[in-house]
Amino acid sequence: MQGKHLTHKERFYIEKRLGDGVNQATIARELELPRSTISRELRRNTDAAFNGVYSCRRAETLARGRRQKTRPDSVINQLEPHIQDFIRTALSTHTSPEVISGRLVLEFGLSVSKNSLYRYIQQERRAGGELYQQLPHRGKRYNYQTDENKRGPIPNRVGIEQRPAVADLKQEPGHFEIDTIFGKDQKSFLLTVVDKAVKLVIIRKLPNKRAETVVAAFRDIVANTFCEFKTLTADNGSEFSQHGEIIAKRLNFDYII
């Protein structure tokens, strides 16, 4: 049986926790994964050229190389690695190909049809992958407009196109990305806040993914760190629907969704 394909977020979390001196059993428990999954990941995707230090970026490259040897080439496989990472992460969190296609246009100016994404999922499935299991409605056609209507728009949303150009250069500290990581069966949750310039990662465990819980956790981060927040970028997940509360009162920075 093929092992679980880890997402980029999971690999990033493994790298961070290993750097903190946390053992494999604890990491597996925190991610709600079998310990064998973590040990297999470290065994297969730790490059000796990195002096035995696990790197999530190098692990992604090694894992992708093996996958590409076992399945037909596709439009997706020819994209830049960071674009492939974006697509795989989105697919692994139940985002439909229709939505991903639109986000690729908005965030990268890249046109990839939903059909190309569906073909990629099928190729990945034939190679033993599990992304098809994450499709909304068990792989049925997904109505983006209907889903948006059900979930509702994010109030007072500020588009990513308004984010200062300096934030994309990843050279100036203070430009953070905020996200959530869901454990197995969405029974456990982590809030991550990442400064891409200095590679600072702040993690908080959440009891649930409600918007008010995310607000409370972020305020705790602000109160207990010395970080200077200049911009904060999130996706359109409902857990960030109370973003106005995050930037209210004493917190003075731009919040981009």
C-alpha atoms as a PDB file:
ATOM      1  CA  MET A   1       0.000   0.000   0.000  1.00  0.00           C
ATOM      2  CA  GLN A   2       1.256   3.443  -0.886  1.00  0.00           C
ATOM      3  CA  GLY A   3       2.137   5.759   2.016  1.00  0.00           C
ATOM      4  CA  LYS A   4       0.394   9.056   2.607  1.00  0.00           C
ATOM      5  CA  HIS A   5       1.700  11.978   0.574  1.00  0.00           C
ATOM      6  CA  LEU A   6       2.555  14.716   3.048  1.00  0.00           C
ATOM      7  CA  THR A   7       1.566  18.271   2.229  1.00  0.00           C
ATOM      8  CA  HIS A   8       4.034  21.139   2.131  1.00  0.00           C
ATOM      9  CA  LYS A   9       2.547  22.469   5.392  1.00  0.00           C
ATOM     10  CA  GLU A  10       3.088  19.119   7.121  1.00  0.00           C
ATOM     11  CA  ARG A  11       6.681  18.942   5.897  1.00  0.00           C
ATOM     12  CA  PHE A  12       7.264  22.516   7.035  1.00  0.00           C
ATOM     13  CA  TYR A  13       5.866  21.623  10.457  1.00  0.00           C
ATOM     14  CA  ILE A  14       8.117  18.540  10.681  1.00  0.00           C
ATOM     15  CA  GLU A  15      11.195  20.642   9.853  1.00  0.00           C
ATOM     16  CA  LYS A  16      10.279  23.264  12.450  1.00  0.00           C
ATOM     17  CA  ARG A  17       9.592  20.760  15.230  1.00  0.00           C
ATOM     18  CA  LEU A  18      12.748  18.768  14.501  1.00  0.00           C
ATOM     19  CA  GLY A  19      14.672  22.022  14.758  1.00  0.00           C
ATOM     20  CA  ASP A  20      13.094  22.518  18.185  1.00  0.00           C
ATOM     21  CA  GLY A  21      14.424  19.127  19.262  1.00  0.00           C
ATOM     22  CA  VAL A  22      11.034  17.368  19.269  1.00  0.00           C
ATOM     23  CA  ASN A  23      11.129  13.602  18.638  1.00  0.00           C
ATOM     24  CA  GLN A  24       9.356  11.739  15.848  1.00  0.00           C
ATOM     25  CA  ALA A  25       6.706  10.194  18.091  1.00  0.00           C
ATOM     26  CA  THR A  26       5.601  13.595  19.371  1.00  0.00           C
ATOM     27  CA  ILE A  27       5.509  15.099  15.872  1.00  0.00           C
ATOM     28  CA  ALA A  28       3.405  12.182  14.642  1.00  0.00           C
ATOM     29  CA  ARG A  29       1.008  12.642  17.545  1.00  0.00           C
ATOM     30  CA  GLU A  30       0.707  16.401  16.948  1.00  0.00           C
ATOM     31  CA  LEU A  31      -0.053  15.882  13.242  1.00  0.00           C
ATOM     32  CA  GLU A  32      -2.254  12.857  14.030  1.00  0.00           C
ATOM     33  CA  LEU A  33      -0.238  10.697  11.657  1.00  0.00           C
ATOM     34  CA  PRO A  34       1.246   7.223  12.164  1.00  0.00           C
ATOM     35  CA  ARG A  35       4.769   7.349  13.510  1.00  0.00           C
ATOM     36  CA  SER A  36       5.796   5.201  10.543  1.00  0.00           C
ATOM     37  CA  THR A  37       4.743   8.024   8.204  1.00  0.00           C
ATOM     38  CA  ILE A  38       7.147  10.432   9.893  1.00  0.00           C
ATOM     39  CA  SER A  39      10.020   7.936  10.021  1.00  0.00           C
ATOM     40  CA  ARG A  40       9.485   6.982   6.374  1.00  0.00           C
ATOM     41  CA  GLU A  41       9.436  10.650   5.379  1.00  0.00           C
ATOM     42  CA  LEU A  42      12.730  11.320   7.153  1.00  0.00           C
ATOM     43  CA  ARG A  43      14.318   8.163   5.776  1.00  0.00           C
ATOM     44  CA  ARG A  44      13.346   8.805   2.158  1.00  0.00           C
ATOM     45  CA  ASN A  45      13.503  12.581   1.963  1.00  0.00           C
ATOM     46  CA  THR A  46      16.469  13.635   4.084  1.00  0.00           C
ATOM     47  CA  ASP A  47      19.277  14.510   1.688  1.00  0.00           C
ATOM     48  CA  ALA A  48      22.799  13.509   2.802  1.00  0.00           C
ATOM     49  CA  ALA A  49      24.064  16.630   1.020  1.00  0.00           C
ATOM     50  CA  PHE A  50      22.317  18.659   3.751  1.00  0.00           C
ATOM     51  CA  ASN A  51      24.461  16.997   6.451  1.00  0.00           C
ATOM     52  CA  GLY A  52      21.556  14.847   7.543  1.00  0.00           C
ATOM     53  CA  VAL A  53      19.351  17.841   8.372  1.00  0.00           C
ATOM     54  CA  TYR A  54      15.761  17.513   7.169  1.00  0.00           C
ATOM     55  CA  SER A  55      14.636  20.344   4.859  1.00  0.00           C
ATOM     56  CA  CYS A  56      10.993  20.626   3.802  1.00  0.00           C
ATOM     57  CA  ARG A  57      11.969  22.254   0.501  1.00  0.00           C
ATOM     58  CA  ARG A  58      14.480  19.534  -0.348  1.00  0.00           C
ATOM     59  CA  ALA A  59      12.011  16.863   0.779  1.00  0.00           C
ATOM     60  CA  GLU A  60       9.395  18.280  -1.615  1.00  0.00           C
ATOM     61  CA  THR A  61      11.899  18.173  -4.469  1.00  0.00           C
ATOM     62  CA  LEU A  62      12.907  14.571  -3.764  1.00  0.00           C
ATOM     63  CA  ALA A  63       9.315  13.381  -3.357  1.00  0.00           C
ATOM     64  CA  ARG A  64       8.200  15.200  -6.504  1.00  0.00           C
ATOM     65  CA  GLY A  65      11.021  13.631  -8.481  1.00  0.00           C
ATOM     66  CA  ARG A  66       9.895  10.144  -7.527  1.00  0.00           C
ATOM     67  CA  ARG A  67       6.273  10.914  -8.330  1.00  0.00           C
ATOM     68  CA  GLN A  68       7.154  12.242 -11.760  1.00  0.00           C
ATOM     69  CA  LYS A  69       9.032   9.035 -12.566  1.00  0.00           C
ATOM     70  CA  THR A  70       5.948   6.947 -11.827  1.00  0.00           C
ATOM     71  CA  ARG A  71       3.262   8.884 -13.660  1.00  0.00           C
ATOM     72  CA  PRO A  72       2.719  10.571 -17.040  1.00  0.00           C
ATOM     73  CA  ASP A  73       3.826  14.156 -17.453  1.00  0.00           C
ATOM     74  CA  SER A  74       1.174  16.852 -17.246  1.00  0.00           C
ATOM     75  CA  VAL A  75       0.731  20.597 -17.516  1.00  0.00           C
ATOM     76  CA  ILE A  76       0.936  20.827 -13.721  1.00  0.00           C
ATOM     77  CA  ASN A  77       4.236  18.960 -13.525  1.00  0.00           C
ATOM     78  CA  GLN A  78       5.796  21.490 -15.871  1.00  0.00           C
ATOM     79  CA  LEU A  79       4.996  24.448 -13.611  1.00  0.00           C
ATOM     80  CA  GLU A  80       7.461  26.106 -11.253  1.00  0.00           C
ATOM     81  CA  PRO A  81       7.960  24.161  -7.994  1.00  0.00           C
ATOM     82  CA  HIS A  82       6.352  26.827  -5.813  1.00  0.00           C
ATOM     83  CA  ILE A  83       3.262  26.816  -8.072  1.00  0.00           C
ATOM     84  CA  GLN A  84       3.044  23.031  -7.780  1.00  0.00           C
ATOM     85  CA  ASP A  85       3.347  23.362  -4.003  1.00  0.00           C
ATOM     86  CA  PHE A  86       0.503  25.895  -4.003  1.00  0.00           C
ATOM     87  CA  ILE A  87      -1.730  23.563  -6.046  1.00  0.00           C
ATOM     88  CA  ARG A  88      -1.014  20.458  -3.975  1.00  0.00           C
ATOM     89  CA  THR A  89      -1.550  22.307  -0.699  1.00  0.00           C
ATOM     90  CA  ALA A  90      -4.852  23.747  -1.938  1.00  0.00           C
ATOM     91  CA  LEU A  91      -6.045  20.349  -3.176  1.00  0.00           C
ATOM     92  CA  SER A  92      -5.076  18.686   0.099  1.00  0.00           C
ATOM     93  CA  THR A  93      -7.320  21.100   2.018  1.00  0.00           C
ATOM     94  CA  HIS A  94     -10.512  20.326   0.063  1.00  0.00           C
ATOM     95  CA  THR A  95     -10.283  23.264  -2.334  1.00  0.00           C
ATOM     96  CA  SER A  96     -11.960  22.504  -5.650  1.00  0.00           C
ATOM     97  CA  PRO A  97     -10.112  22.682  -8.996  1.00  0.00           C
ATOM     98  CA  GLU A  98     -12.500  25.440 -10.085  1.00  0.00           C
ATOM     99  CA  VAL A  99     -11.516  27.610  -7.136  1.00  0.00           C
ATOM    100  CA  ILE A 100      -7.809  26.822  -7.526  1.00  0.00           C
ATOM    101  CA  SER A 101      -7.946  27.775 -11.204  1.00  0.00           C
ATOM    102  CA  GLY A 102      -9.325  31.194 -10.253  1.00  0.00           C
ATOM    103  CA  ARG A 103      -6.781  31.701  -7.472  1.00  0.00           C
ATOM    104  CA  LEU A 104      -3.900  30.913  -9.836  1.00  0.00           C
ATOM    105  CA  VAL A 105      -5.040  33.738 -12.083  1.00  0.00           C
ATOM    106  CA  LEU A 106      -5.446  36.209  -9.212  1.00  0.00           C
ATOM    107  CA  GLU A 107      -2.291  35.361  -7.280  1.00  0.00           C
ATOM    108  CA  PHE A 108       0.156  34.336 -10.011  1.00  0.00           C
ATOM    109  CA  GLY A 109      -1.352  35.634 -13.273  1.00  0.00           C
ATOM    110  CA  LEU A 110      -1.305  32.020 -14.469  1.00  0.00           C
ATOM    111  CA  SER A 111      -4.033  30.352 -16.525  1.00  0.00           C
ATOM    112  CA  VAL A 112      -4.532  26.685 -15.647  1.00  0.00           C
ATOM    113  CA  SER A 113      -7.907  25.210 -16.532  1.00  0.00           C
ATOM    114  CA  LYS A 114      -9.947  23.181 -14.075  1.00  0.00           C
ATOM    115  CA  ASN A 115      -9.793  20.292 -16.538  1.00  0.00           C
ATOM    116  CA  SER A 116      -5.987  20.260 -16.345  1.00  0.00           C
ATOM    117  CA  LEU A 117      -6.266  20.114 -12.565  1.00  0.00           C
ATOM    118  CA  TYR A 118      -8.757  17.236 -12.714  1.00  0.00           C
ATOM    119  CA  ARG A 119      -6.429  15.336 -15.078  1.00  0.00           C
ATOM    120  CA  TYR A 120      -3.551  15.946 -12.678  1.00  0.00           C
ATOM    121  CA  ILE A 121      -5.602  14.508  -9.803  1.00  0.00           C
ATOM    122  CA  GLN A 122      -6.444  11.397 -11.828  1.00  0.00           C
ATOM    123  CA  GLN A 123      -2.803  10.874 -12.805  1.00  0.00           C
ATOM    124  CA  GLU A 124      -1.786  11.276  -9.187  1.00  0.00           C
ATOM    125  CA  ARG A 125      -4.438   8.738  -8.164  1.00  0.00           C
ATOM    126  CA  ARG A 126      -3.211   6.157 -10.676  1.00  0.00           C
ATOM    127  CA  ALA A 127       0.283   6.599  -9.221  1.00  0.00           C
ATOM    128  CA  GLY A 128      -1.057   5.758  -5.749  1.00  0.00           C
ATOM    129  CA  GLY A 129      -1.779   9.288  -4.564  1.00  0.00           C
ATOM    130  CA  GLU A 130      -4.668  10.347  -2.353  1.00  0.00           C
ATOM    131  CA  LEU A 131      -5.498  13.887  -3.483  1.00  0.00           C
ATOM    132  CA  TYR A 132      -8.696  12.644  -5.152  1.00  0.00           C
ATOM    133  CA  GLN A 133     -10.043  11.815  -1.687  1.00  0.00           C
ATOM    134  CA  GLN A 134      -9.857  15.500  -0.756  1.00  0.00           C
ATOM    135  CA  LEU A 135     -12.122  16.689  -3.564  1.00  0.00           C
ATOM    136  CA  PRO A 136     -15.275  18.417  -2.312  1.00  0.00           C
ATOM    137  CA  HIS A 137     -18.413  16.278  -2.630  1.00  0.00           C
ATOM    138  CA  ARG A 138     -16.305  13.123  -3.177  1.00  0.00           C
ATOM    139  CA  GLY A 139     -15.085  14.200  -6.590  1.00  0.00           C
ATOM    140  CA  LYS A 140     -18.414  15.383  -8.000  1.00  0.00           C
ATOM    141  CA  ARG A 141     -18.587  18.532 -10.037  1.00  0.00           C
ATOM    142  CA  TYR A 142     -18.233  21.491  -7.691  1.00  0.00           C
ATOM    143  CA  ASN A 143     -20.242  24.676  -8.036  1.00  0.00           C
ATOM    144  CA  TYR A 144     -17.952  27.488  -6.922  1.00  0.00           C
ATOM    145  CA  GLN A 145     -20.697  30.101  -6.918  1.00  0.00           C
ATOM    146  CA  THR A 146     -22.997  27.954  -4.825  1.00  0.00           C
ATOM    147  CA  ASP A 147     -20.261  27.241  -2.306  1.00  0.00           C
ATOM    148  CA  GLU A 148     -19.424  30.934  -1.981  1.00  0.00           C
ATOM    149  CA  ASN A 149     -23.074  31.725  -1.434  1.00  0.00           C
ATOM    150  CA  LYS A 150     -23.275  29.106   1.330  1.00  0.00           C
ATOM    151  CA  ARG A 151     -20.150  30.261   3.063  1.00  0.00           C
ATOM    152  CA  GLY A 152     -20.804  33.945   2.567  1.00  0.00           C
ATOM    153  CA  PRO A 153     -18.334  36.649   1.577  1.00  0.00           C
ATOM    154  CA  ILE A 154     -15.558  37.776   3.912  1.00  0.00           C
ATOM    155  CA  PRO A 155     -16.733  41.149   5.296  1.00  0.00           C
ATOM    156  CA  ASN A 156     -14.538  44.151   4.478  1.00  0.00           C
ATOM    157  CA  ARG A 157     -12.213  41.954   2.481  1.00  0.00           C
ATOM    158  CA  VAL A 158      -8.967  43.570   1.235  1.00  0.00           C
ATOM    159  CA  GLY A 159      -7.677  41.859  -1.921  1.00  0.00           C
ATOM    160  CA  ILE A 160      -4.155  40.469  -2.137  1.00  0.00           C
ATOM    161  CA  GLU A 161      -3.564  42.705  -5.131  1.00  0.00           C
ATOM    162  CA  GLN A 162      -3.441  45.603  -2.640  1.00  0.00           C
ATOM    163  CA  ARG A 163      -0.591  44.088  -0.661  1.00  0.00           C
ATOM    164  CA  PRO A 164       2.544  46.282  -0.805  1.00  0.00           C
ATOM    165  CA  ALA A 165       5.085  45.091  -3.361  1.00  0.00           C
ATOM    166  CA  VAL A 166       7.774  44.994  -0.672  1.00  0.00           C
ATOM    167  CA  ALA A 167       5.923  42.138   1.037  1.00  0.00           C
ATOM    168  CA  ASP A 168       6.374  39.920  -2.021  1.00  0.00           C
ATOM    169  CA  LEU A 169      10.138  40.504  -2.111  1.00  0.00           C
ATOM    170  CA  LYS A 170      10.525  38.591   1.178  1.00  0.00           C
ATOM    171  CA  GLN A 171      13.415  40.835   2.164  1.00  0.00           C
ATOM    172  CA  GLU A 172      11.846  43.106   4.794  1.00  0.00           C
ATOM    173  CA  PRO A 173      10.769  41.593   8.147  1.00  0.00           C
ATOM    174  CA  GLY A 174       7.254  42.235   9.366  1.00  0.00           C
ATOM    175  CA  HIS A 175       5.226  40.870   6.461  1.00  0.00           C
ATOM    176  CA  PHE A 176       3.469  37.788   7.788  1.00  0.00           C
ATOM    177  CA  GLU A 177       1.224  35.078   6.366  1.00  0.00           C
ATOM    178  CA  ILE A 178      -1.349  33.520   8.691  1.00  0.00           C
ATOM    179  CA  ASP A 179      -2.860  30.105   8.065  1.00  0.00           C
ATOM    180  CA  THR A 180      -4.422  27.096   9.753  1.00  0.00           C
ATOM    181  CA  ILE A 181      -3.377  23.465   9.555  1.00  0.00           C
ATOM    182  CA  PHE A 182      -6.026  20.805  10.126  1.00  0.00           C
ATOM    183  CA  GLY A 183      -5.189  17.454  11.678  1.00  0.00           C
ATOM    184  CA  LYS A 184      -6.653  14.115  10.689  1.00  0.00           C
ATOM    185  CA  ASP A 185     -10.429  14.284  10.137  1.00  0.00           C
ATOM    186  CA  GLN A 186     -10.250  17.981  11.108  1.00  0.00           C
ATOM    187  CA  LYS A 187     -10.304  17.144  14.823  1.00  0.00           C
ATOM    188  CA  SER A 188      -7.229  19.189  15.734  1.00  0.00           C
ATOM    189  CA  PHE A 189      -6.050  22.568  14.530  1.00  0.00           C
ATOM    190  CA  LEU A 190      -2.903  24.688  14.477  1.00  0.00           C
ATOM    191  CA  LEU A 191      -2.572  28.392  13.761  1.00  0.00           C
ATOM    192  CA  THR A 192       0.681  29.320  12.023  1.00  0.00           C
ATOM    193  CA  VAL A 193       2.045  32.831  11.538  1.00  0.00           C
ATOM    194  CA  VAL A 194       5.111  33.009   9.289  1.00  0.00           C
ATOM    195  CA  ASP A 195       7.482  35.875   8.495  1.00  0.00           C
ATOM    196  CA  LYS A 196       8.788  34.847   5.073  1.00  0.00           C
ATOM    197  CA  ALA A 197      11.752  37.214   5.193  1.00  0.00           C
ATOM    198  CA  VAL A 198      13.396  35.933   8.376  1.00  0.00           C
ATOM    199  CA  LYS A 199      11.799  32.444   8.377  1.00  0.00           C
ATOM    200  CA  LEU A 200      10.199  33.070  11.761  1.00  0.00           C
ATOM    201  CA  VAL A 201       7.364  30.648  12.515  1.00  0.00           C
ATOM    202  CA  ILE A 202       4.902  31.078  15.385  1.00  0.00           C
ATOM    203  CA  ILE A 203       2.516  28.202  16.143  1.00  0.00           C
ATOM    204  CA  ARG A 204      -0.518  28.044  18.398  1.00  0.00           C
ATOM    205  CA  LYS A 205      -2.677  24.965  18.995  1.00  0.00           C
ATOM    206  CA  LEU A 206      -6.388  25.689  18.627  1.00  0.00           C
ATOM    207  CA  PRO A 207      -9.329  23.844  20.212  1.00  0.00           C
ATOM    208  CA  ASN A 208     -11.422  24.563  17.097  1.00  0.00           C
ATOM    209  CA  LYS A 209     -11.310  26.620  13.906  1.00  0.00           C
ATOM    210  CA  ARG A 210     -13.961  29.191  14.777  1.00  0.00           C
ATOM    211  CA  ALA A 211     -13.177  32.744  13.793  1.00  0.00           C
ATOM    212  CA  GLU A 212     -13.275  34.035  17.361  1.00  0.00           C
ATOM    213  CA  THR A 213     -10.764  31.347  18.388  1.00  0.00           C
ATOM    214  CA  VAL A 214      -8.369  32.486  15.675  1.00  0.00           C
ATOM    215  CA  VAL A 215      -8.736  36.114  16.800  1.00  0.00           C
ATOM    216  CA  ALA A 216      -7.954  35.185  20.411  1.00  0.00           C
ATOM    217  CA  ALA A 217      -4.930  33.121  19.412  1.00  0.00           C
ATOM    218  CA  PHE A 218      -3.498  35.881  17.249  1.00  0.00           C
ATOM    219  CA  ARG A 219      -3.952  38.477  19.974  1.00  0.00           C
ATOM    220  CA  ASP A 220      -2.050  36.151  22.302  1.00  0.00           C
ATOM    221  CA  ILE A 221       0.764  36.041  19.750  1.00  0.00           C
ATOM    222  CA  VAL A 222       0.893  39.831  19.571  1.00  0.00           C
ATOM    223  CA  ALA A 223       0.865  40.142  23.360  1.00  0.00           C
ATOM    224  CA  ASN A 224       3.648  37.605  23.893  1.00  0.00           C
ATOM    225  CA  THR A 225       6.089  38.338  21.079  1.00  0.00           C
ATOM    226  CA  PHE A 226       8.167  41.317  20.040  1.00  0.00           C
ATOM    227  CA  CYS A 227       7.238  41.039  16.362  1.00  0.00           C
ATOM    228  CA  GLU A 228       6.476  44.148  14.330  1.00  0.00           C
ATOM    229  CA  PHE A 229       3.496  43.321  12.137  1.00  0.00           C
ATOM    230  CA  LYS A 230       3.427  45.420   8.964  1.00  0.00           C
ATOM    231  CA  THR A 231       1.107  43.284   6.849  1.00  0.00           C
ATOM    232  CA  LEU A 232      -0.786  40.065   7.499  1.00  0.00           C
ATOM    233  CA  THR A 233      -1.997  37.862   4.665  1.00  0.00           C
ATOM    234  CA  ALA A 234      -4.594  35.089   4.900  1.00  0.00           C
ATOM    235  CA  ASP A 235      -6.816  33.130   2.546  1.00  0.00           C
ATOM    236  CA  ASN A 236     -10.618  33.335   2.309  1.00  0.00           C
ATOM    237  CA  GLY A 237     -11.274  30.633   4.909  1.00  0.00           C
ATOM    238  CA  SER A 238     -14.199  31.244   7.238  1.00  0.00           C
ATOM    239  CA  GLU A 239     -11.837  31.041  10.215  1.00  0.00           C
ATOM    240  CA  PHE A 240     -10.516  34.460   9.133  1.00  0.00           C
ATOM    241  CA  SER A 241     -13.939  36.064   8.717  1.00  0.00           C
ATOM    242  CA  GLN A 242     -13.418  38.202  11.837  1.00  0.00           C
ATOM    243  CA  HIS A 243     -10.224  39.736  10.509  1.00  0.00           C
ATOM    244  CA  GLY A 244     -11.574  43.146  11.452  1.00  0.00           C
ATOM    245  CA  GLU A 245     -11.287  42.142  15.110  1.00  0.00           C
ATOM    246  CA  ILE A 246      -7.645  41.184  14.564  1.00  0.00           C
ATOM    247  CA  ILE A 247      -6.623  44.629  13.386  1.00  0.00           C
ATOM    248  CA  ALA A 248      -8.932  46.573  15.692  1.00  0.00           C
ATOM    249  CA  LYS A 249      -7.898  48.873  18.501  1.00  0.00           C
ATOM    250  CA  ARG A 250      -4.167  48.700  19.278  1.00  0.00           C
ATOM    251  CA  LEU A 251      -3.112  46.511  16.339  1.00  0.00           C
ATOM    252  CA  ASN A 252      -2.113  48.782  13.513  1.00  0.00           C
ATOM    253  CA  PHE A 253      -1.242  46.995  10.285  1.00  0.00           C
ATOM    254  CA  ASP A 254      -2.735  46.019   6.938  1.00  0.00           C
ATOM    255  CA  TYR A 255      -4.597  42.730   6.645  1.00  0.00           C
ATOM    256  CA  ILE A 256      -4.795  41.192   3.196  1.00  0.00           C
ATOM    257  CA  ILE A 257      -7.146  38.353   2.248  1.00  0.00           C
END
